[in-house]
Amino acid sequence: MDDGTRERLDSLPPSAKLVYYVLEQEGRFDQTGLAEETRLSTRTVRFAVEKLTEVGLVEEGLCLRDARRSVYRIVPPSERPTPVDPDAAAESEGTADSDTSVADPDAPAAAVAED
């Protein structure tokens, strides 16, 4: 497991780490298969997969045998989105040029047309 994967997993709950480990070892699974393999409830598996998907470690696909079911697999490191650092994003928002302008207090007031 690479450092980027470890960093993404660090903040996740134990159930998500277990689901990731099973997918890493066994490959693709549907929700029921993950629940059986991990011995977690389907609700917990759904929550874990949701968290793993949010951080870009797992992706959802269609089951070829039954289109009503989803199959989950690990996203290879080369295909993962670059994680966004919330602190860096907040800093860049504050320093970025924006189209919003602040009214000049010395400027004349705009005329308002009355009907």
PDB file of N, CA and C in Angstrom:
ATOM      1  N   MET A   1       0.847  -1.175   0.000  1.00  0.00           N
ATOM      2  CA  MET A   1       0.000   0.000   0.000  1.00  0.00           C
ATOM      3  C   MET A   1       0.896   1.243   0.000  1.00  0.00           C
ATOM      4  N   ASP A   2       0.597   2.168  -0.890  1.00  0.00           N
ATOM      5  CA  ASP A   2       1.423   3.373  -0.992  1.00  0.00           C
ATOM      6  C   ASP A   2       1.022   4.415   0.060  1.00  0.00           C
ATOM      7  N   ASP A   3       1.867   5.430   0.214  1.00  0.00           N
ATOM      8  CA  ASP A   3       1.639   6.462   1.232  1.00  0.00           C
ATOM      9  C   ASP A   3       0.366   7.259   0.975  1.00  0.00           C
ATOM     10  N   GLY A   4       0.065   7.524  -0.293  1.00  0.00           N
ATOM     11  CA  GLY A   4      -1.147   8.270  -0.623  1.00  0.00           C
ATOM     12  C   GLY A   4      -2.402   7.535  -0.178  1.00  0.00           C
ATOM     13  N   THR A   5      -2.396   6.214  -0.357  1.00  0.00           N
ATOM     14  CA  THR A   5      -3.533   5.402   0.073  1.00  0.00           C
ATOM     15  C   THR A   5      -3.650   5.435   1.588  1.00  0.00           C
ATOM     16  N   ARG A   6      -2.530   5.288   2.268  1.00  0.00           N
ATOM     17  CA  ARG A   6      -2.546   5.327   3.743  1.00  0.00           C
ATOM     18  C   ARG A   6      -3.108   6.655   4.253  1.00  0.00           C
ATOM     19  N   GLU A   7      -2.682   7.742   3.628  1.00  0.00           N
ATOM     20  CA  GLU A   7      -3.164   9.061   4.050  1.00  0.00           C
ATOM     21  C   GLU A   7      -4.675   9.177   3.883  1.00  0.00           C
ATOM     22  N   ARG A   8      -5.186   8.668   2.778  1.00  0.00           N
ATOM     23  CA  ARG A   8      -6.628   8.735   2.535  1.00  0.00           C
ATOM     24  C   ARG A   8      -7.395   7.851   3.513  1.00  0.00           C
ATOM     25  N   LEU A   9      -6.811   6.709   3.884  1.00  0.00           N
ATOM     26  CA  LEU A   9      -7.483   5.783   4.793  1.00  0.00           C
ATOM     27  C   LEU A   9      -7.431   6.240   6.246  1.00  0.00           C
ATOM     28  N   ASP A  10      -6.430   7.034   6.606  1.00  0.00           N
ATOM     29  CA  ASP A  10      -6.224   7.426   8.008  1.00  0.00           C
ATOM     30  C   ASP A  10      -7.468   8.000   8.673  1.00  0.00           C
ATOM     31  N   SER A  11      -8.168   8.865   7.999  1.00  0.00           N
ATOM     32  CA  SER A  11      -9.310   9.550   8.612  1.00  0.00           C
ATOM     33  C   SER A  11     -10.617   8.757   8.519  1.00  0.00           C
ATOM     34  N   LEU A  12     -10.589   7.601   7.866  1.00  0.00           N
ATOM     35  CA  LEU A  12     -11.813   6.827   7.666  1.00  0.00           C
ATOM     36  C   LEU A  12     -12.083   5.884   8.836  1.00  0.00           C
ATOM     37  N   PRO A  13     -13.351   5.498   9.019  1.00  0.00           N
ATOM     38  CA  PRO A  13     -13.692   4.575  10.104  1.00  0.00           C
ATOM     39  C   PRO A  13     -13.126   3.172   9.844  1.00  0.00           C
ATOM     40  N   PRO A  14     -13.014   2.360  10.895  1.00  0.00           N
ATOM     41  CA  PRO A  14     -12.480   0.999  10.749  1.00  0.00           C
ATOM     42  C   PRO A  14     -13.233   0.156   9.720  1.00  0.00           C
ATOM     43  N   SER A  15     -14.538   0.344   9.621  1.00  0.00           N
ATOM     44  CA  SER A  15     -15.313  -0.439   8.653  1.00  0.00           C
ATOM     45  C   SER A  15     -14.855  -0.152   7.226  1.00  0.00           C
ATOM     46  N   ALA A  16     -14.547   1.098   6.924  1.00  0.00           N
ATOM     47  CA  ALA A  16     -14.080   1.463   5.585  1.00  0.00           C
ATOM     48  C   ALA A  16     -12.707   0.857   5.320  1.00  0.00           C
ATOM     49  N   LYS A  17     -11.858   0.835   6.329  1.00  0.00           N
ATOM     50  CA  LYS A  17     -10.529   0.231   6.177  1.00  0.00           C
ATOM     51  C   LYS A  17     -10.644  -1.264   5.916  1.00  0.00           C
ATOM     52  N   LEU A  18     -11.567  -1.924   6.616  1.00  0.00           N
ATOM     53  CA  LEU A  18     -11.776  -3.356   6.407  1.00  0.00           C
ATOM     54  C   LEU A  18     -12.303  -3.629   4.998  1.00  0.00           C
ATOM     55  N   VAL A  19     -13.273  -2.858   4.562  1.00  0.00           N
ATOM     56  CA  VAL A  19     -13.820  -3.028   3.209  1.00  0.00           C
ATOM     57  C   VAL A  19     -12.724  -2.802   2.172  1.00  0.00           C
ATOM     58  N   TYR A  20     -11.899  -1.790   2.373  1.00  0.00           N
ATOM     59  CA  TYR A  20     -10.796  -1.532   1.441  1.00  0.00           C
ATOM     60  C   TYR A  20      -9.846  -2.729   1.396  1.00  0.00           C
ATOM     61  N   TYR A  21      -9.495  -3.251   2.561  1.00  0.00           N
ATOM     62  CA  TYR A  21      -8.575  -4.390   2.632  1.00  0.00           C
ATOM     63  C   TYR A  21      -9.143  -5.592   1.873  1.00  0.00           C
ATOM     64  N   VAL A  22     -10.424  -5.884   2.065  1.00  0.00           N
ATOM     65  CA  VAL A  22     -11.051  -7.020   1.379  1.00  0.00           C
ATOM     66  C   VAL A  22     -11.039  -6.793  -0.130  1.00  0.00           C
ATOM     67  N   LEU A  23     -11.379  -5.598  -0.572  1.00  0.00           N
ATOM     68  CA  LEU A  23     -11.352  -5.309  -2.009  1.00  0.00           C
ATOM     69  C   LEU A  23      -9.933  -5.409  -2.561  1.00  0.00           C
ATOM     70  N   GLU A  24      -8.964  -4.976  -1.775  1.00  0.00           N
ATOM     71  CA  GLU A  24      -7.566  -5.035  -2.207  1.00  0.00           C
ATOM     72  C   GLU A  24      -7.106  -6.489  -2.359  1.00  0.00           C
ATOM     73  N   GLN A  25      -7.534  -7.354  -1.450  1.00  0.00           N
ATOM     74  CA  GLN A  25      -7.109  -8.754  -1.462  1.00  0.00           C
ATOM     75  C   GLN A  25      -7.916  -9.612  -2.439  1.00  0.00           C
ATOM     76  N   GLU A  26      -9.203  -9.350  -2.533  1.00  0.00           N
ATOM     77  CA  GLU A  26     -10.101 -10.236  -3.279  1.00  0.00           C
ATOM     78  C   GLU A  26     -10.576  -9.688  -4.618  1.00  0.00           C
ATOM     79  N   GLY A  27     -10.487  -8.397  -4.831  1.00  0.00           N
ATOM     80  CA  GLY A  27     -10.949  -7.825  -6.097  1.00  0.00           C
ATOM     81  C   GLY A  27     -12.341  -7.243  -5.995  1.00  0.00           C
ATOM     82  N   ARG A  28     -13.132  -7.419  -7.041  1.00  0.00           N
ATOM     83  CA  ARG A  28     -14.464  -6.824  -7.130  1.00  0.00           C
ATOM     84  C   ARG A  28     -15.471  -7.565  -6.255  1.00  0.00           C
ATOM     85  N   PHE A  29     -16.384  -6.781  -5.674  1.00  0.00           N
ATOM     86  CA  PHE A  29     -17.463  -7.346  -4.865  1.00  0.00           C
ATOM     87  C   PHE A  29     -18.697  -6.484  -5.005  1.00  0.00           C
ATOM     88  N   ASP A  30     -19.862  -7.109  -4.840  1.00  0.00           N
ATOM     89  CA  ASP A  30     -21.077  -6.324  -4.696  1.00  0.00           C
ATOM     90  C   ASP A  30     -21.296  -6.097  -3.199  1.00  0.00           C
ATOM     91  N   GLN A  31     -22.311  -5.340  -2.865  1.00  0.00           N
ATOM     92  CA  GLN A  31     -22.550  -4.988  -1.463  1.00  0.00           C
ATOM     93  C   GLN A  31     -22.806  -6.225  -0.607  1.00  0.00           C
ATOM     94  N   THR A  32     -23.597  -7.160  -1.112  1.00  0.00           N
ATOM     95  CA  THR A  32     -23.896  -8.372  -0.361  1.00  0.00           C
ATOM     96  C   THR A  32     -22.642  -9.201  -0.142  1.00  0.00           C
ATOM     97  N   GLY A  33     -21.825  -9.330  -1.175  1.00  0.00           N
ATOM     98  CA  GLY A  33     -20.580 -10.080  -1.057  1.00  0.00           C
ATOM     99  C   GLY A  33     -19.631  -9.454  -0.052  1.00  0.00           C
ATOM    100  N   LEU A  34     -19.548  -8.131  -0.055  1.00  0.00           N
ATOM    101  CA  LEU A  34     -18.705  -7.440   0.926  1.00  0.00           C
ATOM    102  C   LEU A  34     -19.229  -7.658   2.342  1.00  0.00           C
ATOM    103  N   ALA A  35     -20.548  -7.626   2.504  1.00  0.00           N
ATOM    104  CA  ALA A  35     -21.134  -7.844   3.828  1.00  0.00           C
ATOM    105  C   ALA A  35     -20.827  -9.258   4.321  1.00  0.00           C
ATOM    106  N   GLU A  36     -20.927 -10.237   3.435  1.00  0.00           N
ATOM    107  CA  GLU A  36     -20.628 -11.617   3.825  1.00  0.00           C
ATOM    108  C   GLU A  36     -19.149 -11.793   4.146  1.00  0.00           C
ATOM    109  N   GLU A  37     -18.298 -11.230   3.329  1.00  0.00           N
ATOM    110  CA  GLU A  37     -16.854 -11.396   3.502  1.00  0.00           C
ATOM    111  C   GLU A  37     -16.334 -10.671   4.747  1.00  0.00           C
ATOM    112  N   THR A  38     -16.874  -9.495   5.024  1.00  0.00           N
ATOM    113  CA  THR A  38     -16.400  -8.704   6.165  1.00  0.00           C
ATOM    114  C   THR A  38     -17.179  -8.986   7.443  1.00  0.00           C
ATOM    115  N   ARG A  39     -18.335  -9.632   7.301  1.00  0.00           N
ATOM    116  CA  ARG A  39     -19.254  -9.884   8.420  1.00  0.00           C
ATOM    117  C   ARG A  39     -19.813  -8.584   9.007  1.00  0.00           C
ATOM    118  N   LEU A  40     -19.878  -7.561   8.166  1.00  0.00           N
ATOM    119  CA  LEU A  40     -20.505  -6.295   8.543  1.00  0.00           C
ATOM    120  C   LEU A  40     -21.928  -6.285   8.002  1.00  0.00           C
ATOM    121  N   SER A  41     -22.781  -5.445   8.566  1.00  0.00           N
ATOM    122  CA  SER A  41     -24.136  -5.318   8.032  1.00  0.00           C
ATOM    123  C   SER A  41     -24.077  -4.634   6.667  1.00  0.00           C
ATOM    124  N   THR A  42     -25.110  -4.841   5.861  1.00  0.00           N
ATOM    125  CA  THR A  42     -25.128  -4.206   4.540  1.00  0.00           C
ATOM    126  C   THR A  42     -25.164  -2.682   4.680  1.00  0.00           C
ATOM    127  N   ARG A  43     -25.813  -2.192   5.717  1.00  0.00           N
ATOM    128  CA  ARG A  43     -25.857  -0.743   5.943  1.00  0.00           C
ATOM    129  C   ARG A  43     -24.453  -0.200   6.242  1.00  0.00           C
ATOM    130  N   THR A  44     -23.694  -0.934   7.065  1.00  0.00           N
ATOM    131  CA  THR A  44     -22.331  -0.512   7.388  1.00  0.00           C
ATOM    132  C   THR A  44     -21.445  -0.577   6.155  1.00  0.00           C
ATOM    133  N   VAL A  45     -21.624  -1.609   5.339  1.00  0.00           N
ATOM    134  CA  VAL A  45     -20.856  -1.730   4.099  1.00  0.00           C
ATOM    135  C   VAL A  45     -21.186  -0.569   3.172  1.00  0.00           C
ATOM    136  N   ARG A  46     -22.453  -0.229   3.061  1.00  0.00           N
ATOM    137  CA  ARG A  46     -22.867   0.885   2.202  1.00  0.00           C
ATOM    138  C   ARG A  46     -22.212   2.189   2.674  1.00  0.00           C
ATOM    139  N   PHE A  47     -22.195   2.415   3.986  1.00  0.00           N
ATOM    140  CA  PHE A  47     -21.562   3.604   4.555  1.00  0.00           C
ATOM    141  C   PHE A  47     -20.061   3.597   4.264  1.00  0.00           C
ATOM    142  N   ALA A  48     -19.416   2.445   4.460  1.00  0.00           N
ATOM    143  CA  ALA A  48     -17.968   2.329   4.233  1.00  0.00           C
ATOM    144  C   ALA A  48     -17.625   2.596   2.773  1.00  0.00           C
ATOM    145  N   VAL A  49     -18.394   2.022   1.863  1.00  0.00           N
ATOM    146  CA  VAL A  49     -18.153   2.221   0.431  1.00  0.00           C
ATOM    147  C   VAL A  49     -18.362   3.684   0.059  1.00  0.00           C
ATOM    148  N   GLU A  50     -19.362   4.314   0.650  1.00  0.00           N
ATOM    149  CA  GLU A  50     -19.617   5.735   0.388  1.00  0.00           C
ATOM    150  C   GLU A  50     -18.406   6.576   0.800  1.00  0.00           C
ATOM    151  N   LYS A  51     -17.859   6.299   1.978  1.00  0.00           N
ATOM    152  CA  LYS A  51     -16.687   7.040   2.460  1.00  0.00           C
ATOM    153  C   LYS A  51     -15.474   6.780   1.564  1.00  0.00           C
ATOM    154  N   LEU A  52     -15.272   5.528   1.160  1.00  0.00           N
ATOM    155  CA  LEU A  52     -14.144   5.185   0.290  1.00  0.00           C
ATOM    156  C   LEU A  52     -14.285   5.848  -1.079  1.00  0.00           C
ATOM    157  N   THR A  53     -15.506   5.959  -1.559  1.00  0.00           N
ATOM    158  CA  THR A  53     -15.759   6.606  -2.845  1.00  0.00           C
ATOM    159  C   THR A  53     -15.495   8.109  -2.749  1.00  0.00           C
ATOM    160  N   GLU A  54     -15.895   8.719  -1.632  1.00  0.00           N
ATOM    161  CA  GLU A  54     -15.687  10.161  -1.437  1.00  0.00           C
ATOM    162  C   GLU A  54     -14.212  10.547  -1.502  1.00  0.00           C
ATOM    163  N   VAL A  55     -13.332   9.668  -0.995  1.00  0.00           N
ATOM    164  CA  VAL A  55     -11.897   9.987  -0.994  1.00  0.00           C
ATOM    165  C   VAL A  55     -11.185   9.440  -2.227  1.00  0.00           C
ATOM    166  N   GLY A  56     -11.943   8.835  -3.148  1.00  0.00           N
ATOM    167  CA  GLY A  56     -11.374   8.394  -4.416  1.00  0.00           C
ATOM    168  C   GLY A  56     -10.646   7.062  -4.391  1.00  0.00           C
ATOM    169  N   LEU A  57     -10.881   6.235  -3.361  1.00  0.00           N
ATOM    170  CA  LEU A  57     -10.200   4.940  -3.280  1.00  0.00           C
ATOM    171  C   LEU A  57     -10.981   3.811  -3.939  1.00  0.00           C
ATOM    172  N   VAL A  58     -12.293   3.961  -4.030  1.00  0.00           N
ATOM    173  CA  VAL A  58     -13.153   2.907  -4.574  1.00  0.00           C
ATOM    174  C   VAL A  58     -14.100   3.534  -5.587  1.00  0.00           C
ATOM    175  N   GLU A  59     -14.436   2.749  -6.613  1.00  0.00           N
ATOM    176  CA  GLU A  59     -15.433   3.224  -7.568  1.00  0.00           C
ATOM    177  C   GLU A  59     -16.506   2.169  -7.752  1.00  0.00           C
ATOM    178  N   GLU A  60     -17.676   2.653  -8.137  1.00  0.00           N
ATOM    179  CA  GLU A  60     -18.843   1.807  -8.324  1.00  0.00           C
ATOM    180  C   GLU A  60     -19.029   1.525  -9.806  1.00  0.00           C
ATOM    181  N   GLY A  61     -19.360   0.283 -10.117  1.00  0.00           N
ATOM    182  CA  GLY A  61     -19.642  -0.093 -11.495  1.00  0.00           C
ATOM    183  C   GLY A  61     -20.872  -0.977 -11.548  1.00  0.00           C
ATOM    184  N   LEU A  62     -21.319  -1.287 -12.740  1.00  0.00           N
ATOM    185  CA  LEU A  62     -22.489  -2.144 -12.902  1.00  0.00           C
ATOM    186  C   LEU A  62     -22.093  -3.608 -12.899  1.00  0.00           C
ATOM    187  N   CYS A  63     -22.943  -4.418 -12.308  1.00  0.00           N
ATOM    188  CA  CYS A  63     -22.763  -5.864 -12.332  1.00  0.00           C
ATOM    189  C   CYS A  63     -23.263  -6.356 -13.687  1.00  0.00           C
ATOM    190  N   LEU A  64     -22.429  -7.084 -14.406  1.00  0.00           N
ATOM    191  CA  LEU A  64     -22.811  -7.545 -15.741  1.00  0.00           C
ATOM    192  C   LEU A  64     -23.907  -8.610 -15.693  1.00  0.00           C
ATOM    193  N   ARG A  65     -23.959  -9.377 -14.618  1.00  0.00           N
ATOM    194  CA  ARG A  65     -24.979 -10.422 -14.497  1.00  0.00           C
ATOM    195  C   ARG A  65     -26.328  -9.873 -14.059  1.00  0.00           C
ATOM    196  N   ASP A  66     -26.317  -8.765 -13.322  1.00  0.00           N
ATOM    197  CA  ASP A  66     -27.554  -8.184 -12.810  1.00  0.00           C
ATOM    198  C   ASP A  66     -27.385  -6.669 -12.745  1.00  0.00           C
ATOM    199  N   ALA A  67     -27.936  -5.968 -13.709  1.00  0.00           N
ATOM    200  CA  ALA A  67     -27.741  -4.519 -13.826  1.00  0.00           C
ATOM    201  C   ALA A  67     -28.334  -3.739 -12.654  1.00  0.00           C
ATOM    202  N   ARG A  68     -29.155  -4.386 -11.833  1.00  0.00           N
ATOM    203  CA  ARG A  68     -29.713  -3.704 -10.662  1.00  0.00           C
ATOM    204  C   ARG A  68     -28.701  -3.609  -9.530  1.00  0.00           C
ATOM    205  N   ARG A  69     -27.645  -4.383  -9.618  1.00  0.00           N
ATOM    206  CA  ARG A  69     -26.633  -4.415  -8.559  1.00  0.00           C
ATOM    207  C   ARG A  69     -25.408  -3.613  -8.962  1.00  0.00           C
ATOM    208  N   SER A  70     -24.756  -3.080  -7.961  1.00  0.00           N
ATOM    209  CA  SER A  70     -23.496  -2.368  -8.180  1.00  0.00           C
ATOM    210  C   SER A  70     -22.344  -3.249  -7.732  1.00  0.00           C
ATOM    211  N   VAL A  71     -21.221  -3.092  -8.408  1.00  0.00           N
ATOM    212  CA  VAL A  71     -19.998  -3.804  -8.048  1.00  0.00           C
ATOM    213  C   VAL A  71     -18.959  -2.747  -7.707  1.00  0.00           C
ATOM    214  N   TYR A  72     -18.182  -3.012  -6.689  1.00  0.00           N
ATOM    215  CA  TYR A  72     -17.179  -2.058  -6.229  1.00  0.00           C
ATOM    216  C   TYR A  72     -15.784  -2.603  -6.464  1.00  0.00           C
ATOM    217  N   ARG A  73     -14.881  -1.697  -6.813  1.00  0.00           N
ATOM    218  CA  ARG A  73     -13.486  -2.079  -7.015  1.00  0.00           C
ATOM    219  C   ARG A  73     -12.596  -0.932  -6.575  1.00  0.00           C
ATOM    220  N   ILE A  74     -11.351  -1.270  -6.294  1.00  0.00           N
ATOM    221  CA  ILE A  74     -10.373  -0.263  -5.901  1.00  0.00           C
ATOM    222  C   ILE A  74      -9.940   0.521  -7.134  1.00  0.00           C
ATOM    223  N   VAL A  75      -9.809   1.819  -6.972  1.00  0.00           N
ATOM    224  CA  VAL A  75      -9.302   2.679  -8.040  1.00  0.00           C
ATOM    225  C   VAL A  75      -7.775   2.613  -7.984  1.00  0.00           C
ATOM    226  N   PRO A  76      -7.125   2.221  -9.081  1.00  0.00           N
ATOM    227  CA  PRO A  76      -5.655   2.181  -9.086  1.00  0.00           C
ATOM    228  C   PRO A  76      -5.082   3.564  -8.774  1.00  0.00           C
ATOM    229  N   PRO A  77      -3.950   3.618  -8.066  1.00  0.00           N
ATOM    230  CA  PRO A  77      -3.369   4.915  -7.697  1.00  0.00           C
ATOM    231  C   PRO A  77      -3.176   5.865  -8.878  1.00  0.00           C
ATOM    232  N   SER A  78      -2.858   5.332 -10.042  1.00  0.00           N
ATOM    233  CA  SER A  78      -2.626   6.193 -11.209  1.00  0.00           C
ATOM    234  C   SER A  78      -3.908   6.862 -11.715  1.00  0.00           C
ATOM    235  N   GLU A  79      -5.072   6.323 -11.345  1.00  0.00           N
ATOM    236  CA  GLU A  79      -6.352   6.869 -11.805  1.00  0.00           C
ATOM    237  C   GLU A  79      -7.059   7.714 -10.752  1.00  0.00           C
ATOM    238  N   ARG A  80      -6.478   7.835  -9.579  1.00  0.00           N
ATOM    239  CA  ARG A  80      -7.130   8.561  -8.488  1.00  0.00           C
ATOM    240  C   ARG A  80      -7.025  10.066  -8.681  1.00  0.00           C
ATOM    241  N   PRO A  81      -8.085  10.787  -8.288  1.00  0.00           N
ATOM    242  CA  PRO A  81      -8.016  12.250  -8.349  1.00  0.00           C
ATOM    243  C   PRO A  81      -7.036  12.765  -7.306  1.00  0.00           C
ATOM    244  N   THR A  82      -6.463  13.906  -7.577  1.00  0.00           N
ATOM    245  CA  THR A  82      -5.541  14.525  -6.633  1.00  0.00           C
ATOM    246  C   THR A  82      -6.339  15.025  -5.443  1.00  0.00           C
ATOM    247  N   PRO A  83      -5.926  14.656  -4.226  1.00  0.00           N
ATOM    248  CA  PRO A  83      -6.683  15.122  -3.061  1.00  0.00           C
ATOM    249  C   PRO A  83      -6.561  16.631  -2.903  1.00  0.00           C
ATOM    250  N   VAL A  84      -7.623  17.240  -2.444  1.00  0.00           N
ATOM    251  CA  VAL A  84      -7.644  18.683  -2.243  1.00  0.00           C
ATOM    252  C   VAL A  84      -7.437  18.954  -0.763  1.00  0.00           C
ATOM    253  N   ASP A  85      -6.460  19.796  -0.458  1.00  0.00           N
ATOM    254  CA  ASP A  85      -6.195  20.193   0.917  1.00  0.00           C
ATOM    255  C   ASP A  85      -7.144  21.337   1.251  1.00  0.00           C
ATOM    256  N   PRO A  86      -8.078  21.131   2.217  1.00  0.00           N
ATOM    257  CA  PRO A  86      -9.057  22.181   2.512  1.00  0.00           C
ATOM    258  C   PRO A  86      -8.416  23.488   2.958  1.00  0.00           C
ATOM    259  N   ASP A  87      -7.288  23.422   3.672  1.00  0.00           N
ATOM    260  CA  ASP A  87      -6.619  24.645   4.120  1.00  0.00           C
ATOM    261  C   ASP A  87      -6.062  25.426   2.935  1.00  0.00           C
ATOM    262  N   ALA A  88      -5.458  24.706   1.989  1.00  0.00           N
ATOM    263  CA  ALA A  88      -4.889  25.360   0.811  1.00  0.00           C
ATOM    264  C   ALA A  88      -5.994  25.972  -0.048  1.00  0.00           C
ATOM    265  N   ALA A  89      -7.122  25.269  -0.151  1.00  0.00           N
ATOM    266  CA  ALA A  89      -8.235  25.779  -0.949  1.00  0.00           C
ATOM    267  C   ALA A  89      -8.783  27.064  -0.340  1.00  0.00           C
ATOM    268  N   ALA A  90      -8.880  27.114   0.983  1.00  0.00           N
ATOM    269  CA  ALA A  90      -9.393  28.312   1.652  1.00  0.00           C
ATOM    270  C   ALA A  90      -8.447  29.489   1.456  1.00  0.00           C
ATOM    271  N   GLU A  91      -7.142  29.219   1.510  1.00  0.00           N
ATOM    272  CA  GLU A  91      -6.163  30.285   1.315  1.00  0.00           C
ATOM    273  C   GLU A  91      -6.219  30.833  -0.102  1.00  0.00           C
ATOM    274  N   SER A  92      -6.343  29.934  -1.080  1.00  0.00           N
ATOM    275  CA  SER A  92      -6.353  30.392  -2.470  1.00  0.00           C
ATOM    276  C   SER A  92      -7.619  31.172  -2.786  1.00  0.00           C
ATOM    277  N   GLU A  93      -8.725  30.841  -2.122  1.00  0.00           N
ATOM    278  CA  GLU A  93      -9.957  31.591  -2.343  1.00  0.00           C
ATOM    279  C   GLU A  93      -9.813  33.026  -1.858  1.00  0.00           C
ATOM    280  N   GLY A  94      -9.106  33.208  -0.769  1.00  0.00           N
ATOM    281  CA  GLY A  94      -8.931  34.542  -0.213  1.00  0.00           C
ATOM    282  C   GLY A  94      -7.998  35.405  -1.025  1.00  0.00           C
ATOM    283  N   THR A  95      -7.067  34.802  -1.768  1.00  0.00           N
ATOM    284  CA  THR A  95      -6.090  35.573  -2.523  1.00  0.00           C
ATOM    285  C   THR A  95      -6.374  35.616  -4.009  1.00  0.00           C
ATOM    286  N   ALA A  96      -7.326  34.860  -4.454  1.00  0.00           N
ATOM    287  CA  ALA A  96      -7.608  34.797  -5.891  1.00  0.00           C
ATOM    288  C   ALA A  96      -8.284  36.084  -6.349  1.00  0.00           C
ATOM    289  N   ASP A  97      -8.004  36.452  -7.609  1.00  0.00           N
ATOM    290  CA  ASP A  97      -8.680  37.605  -8.185  1.00  0.00           C
ATOM    291  C   ASP A  97     -10.137  37.243  -8.379  1.00  0.00           C
ATOM    292  N   SER A  98     -10.999  38.149  -8.077  1.00  0.00           N
ATOM    293  CA  SER A  98     -12.412  37.856  -8.257  1.00  0.00           C
ATOM    294  C   SER A  98     -13.070  39.002  -9.001  1.00  0.00           C
ATOM    295  N   ASP A  99     -14.226  38.708  -9.557  1.00  0.00           N
ATOM    296  CA  ASP A  99     -14.965  39.710 -10.299  1.00  0.00           C
ATOM    297  C   ASP A  99     -15.832  40.559  -9.380  1.00  0.00           C
ATOM    298  N   THR A 100     -15.943  40.174  -8.129  1.00  0.00           N
ATOM    299  CA  THR A 100     -16.768  40.960  -7.225  1.00  0.00           C
ATOM    300  C   THR A 100     -16.004  42.211  -6.844  1.00  0.00           C
ATOM    301  N   SER A 101     -16.679  43.336  -6.915  1.00  0.00           N
ATOM    302  CA  SER A 101     -16.010  44.591  -6.596  1.00  0.00           C
ATOM    303  C   SER A 101     -16.659  45.211  -5.374  1.00  0.00           C
ATOM    304  N   VAL A 102     -15.865  45.971  -4.676  1.00  0.00           N
ATOM    305  CA  VAL A 102     -16.351  46.677  -3.498  1.00  0.00           C
ATOM    306  C   VAL A 102     -16.705  48.086  -3.946  1.00  0.00           C
ATOM    307  N   ALA A 103     -17.841  48.571  -3.503  1.00  0.00           N
ATOM    308  CA  ALA A 103     -18.286  49.911  -3.894  1.00  0.00           C
ATOM    309  C   ALA A 103     -17.322  50.955  -3.355  1.00  0.00           C
ATOM    310  N   ASP A 104     -17.009  51.913  -4.212  1.00  0.00           N
ATOM    311  CA  ASP A 104     -16.120  53.008  -3.830  1.00  0.00           C
ATOM    312  C   ASP A 104     -16.957  54.037  -3.079  1.00  0.00           C
ATOM    313  N   PRO A 105     -16.628  54.311  -1.810  1.00  0.00           N
ATOM    314  CA  PRO A 105     -17.452  55.255  -1.042  1.00  0.00           C
ATOM    315  C   PRO A 105     -17.397  56.678  -1.595  1.00  0.00           C
ATOM    316  N   ASP A 106     -16.351  57.029  -2.366  1.00  0.00           N
ATOM    317  CA  ASP A 106     -16.228  58.377  -2.926  1.00  0.00           C
ATOM    318  C   ASP A 106     -16.934  58.525  -4.274  1.00  0.00           C
ATOM    319  N   ALA A 107     -17.381  57.422  -4.857  1.00  0.00           N
ATOM    320  CA  ALA A 107     -18.037  57.468  -6.165  1.00  0.00           C
ATOM    321  C   ALA A 107     -19.448  58.010  -6.004  1.00  0.00           C
ATOM    322  N   PRO A 108     -19.954  58.734  -7.039  1.00  0.00           N
ATOM    323  CA  PRO A 108     -21.324  59.254  -6.953  1.00  0.00           C
ATOM    324  C   PRO A 108     -22.335  58.111  -6.961  1.00  0.00           C
ATOM    325  N   ALA A 109     -23.439  58.317  -6.291  1.00  0.00           N
ATOM    326  CA  ALA A 109     -24.477  57.292  -6.227  1.00  0.00           C
ATOM    327  C   ALA A 109     -25.109  57.127  -7.592  1.00  0.00           C
ATOM    328  N   ALA A 110     -25.503  55.914  -7.916  1.00  0.00           N
ATOM    329  CA  ALA A 110     -26.138  55.632  -9.202  1.00  0.00           C
ATOM    330  C   ALA A 110     -27.546  56.202  -9.196  1.00  0.00           C
ATOM    331  N   ALA A 111     -27.950  56.733 -10.349  1.00  0.00           N
ATOM    332  CA  ALA A 111     -29.293  57.297 -10.470  1.00  0.00           C
ATOM    333  C   ALA A 111     -30.300  56.169 -10.532  1.00  0.00           C
ATOM    334  N   VAL A 112     -31.415  56.338  -9.851  1.00  0.00           N
ATOM    335  CA  VAL A 112     -32.467  55.331  -9.851  1.00  0.00           C
ATOM    336  C   VAL A 112     -33.627  55.895 -10.647  1.00  0.00           C
ATOM    337  N   ALA A 113     -34.041  55.168 -11.669  1.00  0.00           N
ATOM    338  CA  ALA A 113     -35.157  55.621 -12.499  1.00  0.00           C
ATOM    339  C   ALA A 113     -36.458  55.320 -11.783  1.00  0.00           C
ATOM    340  N   GLU A 114     -37.350  56.335 -11.767  1.00  0.00           N
ATOM    341  CA  GLU A 114     -38.655  56.128 -11.158  1.00  0.00           C
ATOM    342  C   GLU A 114     -39.701  56.164 -12.252  1.00  0.00           C
ATOM    343  N   ASP A 115     -40.671  55.300 -12.140  1.00  0.00           N
ATOM    344  CA  ASP A 115     -41.751  55.250 -13.132  1.00  0.00           C
ATOM    345  C   ASP A 115     -42.798  56.266 -12.852  1.00  0.00           C
TER     346      ASP A 115
END
